[in-house]
Amino acid sequence: MQRGIISAQTRDYRNGVNKFFTMAIRCGHHLQNSSNSILVKAKKLYFQSDMIEAGGRVWLNTTKFVKQYFRLPGWERDSCRRQRLFRRKC
C-alpha cells in the first residue's frame, strides 16, 4: 500500500514562529475520528484526521490565528473542488 507523507509548516501569528510536522497516511485510507489528530508542540495546533477523506484526499484548514502552508510531494490539487483539497497521486 502506498503511503503519502504530508509535510506541513504552520505559522502562529500570535507568536511569530513556524512549526513543522509530518503525517503519513495510506493511499485510500480514511481516518474516521479526531482521536488521530496530531498535536504540534503543545501549541494546540491540530491536524484533524477527519480532513482525510476516502481516496486519500486531504482537507487543509486554517484557524483564526494560524495559517497553514502545506508542501505535499507526490500530491496534487483537486482542480474540480476547492483549492484546499488535495488528492494523492496513486
Protein backbone atom coordinates (compact mmCIF):
# COMPACT_ATOMS: atom_id res chain seq x y z
CA MET A 1 0.00 0.00 0.00
CA GLN A 2 1.37 3.36 -0.99
CA ARG A 3 1.81 5.93 1.72
CA GLY A 4 1.68 9.68 1.41
CA ILE A 5 3.71 11.94 3.65
CA ILE A 6 2.09 15.23 4.47
CA SER A 7 4.68 17.86 5.36
CA ALA A 8 3.24 20.99 6.88
CA GLN A 9 4.54 24.30 8.10
CA THR A 10 2.19 26.12 10.42
CA ARG A 11 2.64 29.79 11.17
CA ASP A 12 1.43 31.07 14.51
CA TYR A 13 0.94 34.79 14.00
CA ARG A 14 0.41 35.39 17.70
CA ASN A 15 3.96 34.28 18.42
CA GLY A 16 5.53 34.86 15.02
CA VAL A 17 7.02 31.38 14.89
CA ASN A 18 6.91 28.49 12.44
CA LYS A 19 6.07 24.92 13.39
CA PHE A 20 6.68 21.81 11.33
CA PHE A 21 5.10 18.39 11.42
CA THR A 22 4.65 15.40 9.15
CA MET A 23 1.99 12.74 8.91
CA ALA A 24 1.91 9.55 6.91
CA ILE A 25 -1.33 8.14 5.51
CA ARG A 26 -2.07 5.18 3.32
CA CYS A 27 -3.44 5.98 -0.08
CA GLY A 28 -7.19 5.50 0.01
CA HIS A 29 -7.22 5.12 3.78
CA HIS A 30 -9.90 7.02 5.67
CA LEU A 31 -9.16 8.02 9.25
CA GLN A 32 -12.56 8.28 10.82
CA ASN A 33 -12.23 10.21 14.04
CA SER A 34 -10.34 13.10 15.55
CA SER A 35 -8.56 10.88 18.06
CA ASN A 36 -5.86 10.59 15.39
CA SER A 37 -5.21 14.33 15.48
CA ILE A 38 -1.63 15.48 15.71
CA LEU A 39 -0.72 18.00 18.38
CA VAL A 40 2.05 20.33 17.29
CA LYS A 41 4.49 21.07 20.08
CA ALA A 42 1.84 21.70 22.74
CA LYS A 43 0.67 24.80 20.87
CA LYS A 44 -2.75 23.23 20.31
CA LEU A 45 -2.50 23.41 16.54
CA TYR A 46 -4.33 20.36 15.29
CA PHE A 47 -4.37 18.49 12.02
CA GLN A 48 -7.72 16.75 12.29
CA SER A 49 -7.95 13.28 10.85
CA ASP A 50 -11.49 13.97 9.67
CA MET A 51 -9.91 16.16 6.97
CA ILE A 52 -8.71 12.94 5.34
CA GLU A 53 -11.34 11.50 3.03
CA ALA A 54 -11.62 8.19 1.24
CA GLY A 55 -9.36 8.10 -1.80
CA GLY A 56 -6.54 9.83 0.03
CA ARG A 57 -7.94 13.35 -0.33
CA VAL A 58 -6.90 15.72 2.42
CA TRP A 59 -8.76 18.77 3.64
CA LEU A 60 -6.50 21.54 4.92
CA ASN A 61 -7.84 24.16 7.24
CA THR A 62 -6.92 27.48 8.75
CA THR A 63 -7.86 28.79 12.16
CA LYS A 64 -8.38 32.34 13.32
CA PHE A 65 -4.76 32.74 14.37
CA VAL A 66 -2.93 30.10 12.37
CA LYS A 67 -2.47 29.91 8.65
CA GLN A 68 -1.11 26.61 7.40
CA TYR A 69 1.16 26.20 4.40
CA PHE A 70 1.41 22.68 3.01
CA ARG A 71 4.07 21.19 0.76
CA LEU A 72 2.81 17.87 -0.50
CA PRO A 73 5.33 15.93 -2.61
CA GLY A 74 3.50 13.36 -4.68
CA TRP A 75 0.18 15.12 -4.15
CA GLU A 76 -1.77 17.37 -6.47
CA ARG A 77 -4.58 19.86 -6.08
CA ASP A 78 -8.02 18.54 -6.83
CA SER A 79 -8.93 21.04 -9.55
CA CYS A 80 -12.64 20.22 -9.51
CA ARG A 81 -13.01 21.02 -5.81
CA ARG A 82 -11.91 23.85 -3.55
CA GLN A 83 -8.26 24.83 -3.69
CA ARG A 84 -7.58 23.45 -0.24
CA LEU A 85 -8.47 19.90 -1.26
CA PHE A 86 -5.51 17.77 -2.28
CA ARG A 87 -5.58 14.35 -3.85
CA ARG A 88 -2.93 11.64 -3.55
CA LYS A 89 -1.40 10.60 -6.87
CA CYS A 90 -1.92 6.83 -6.64
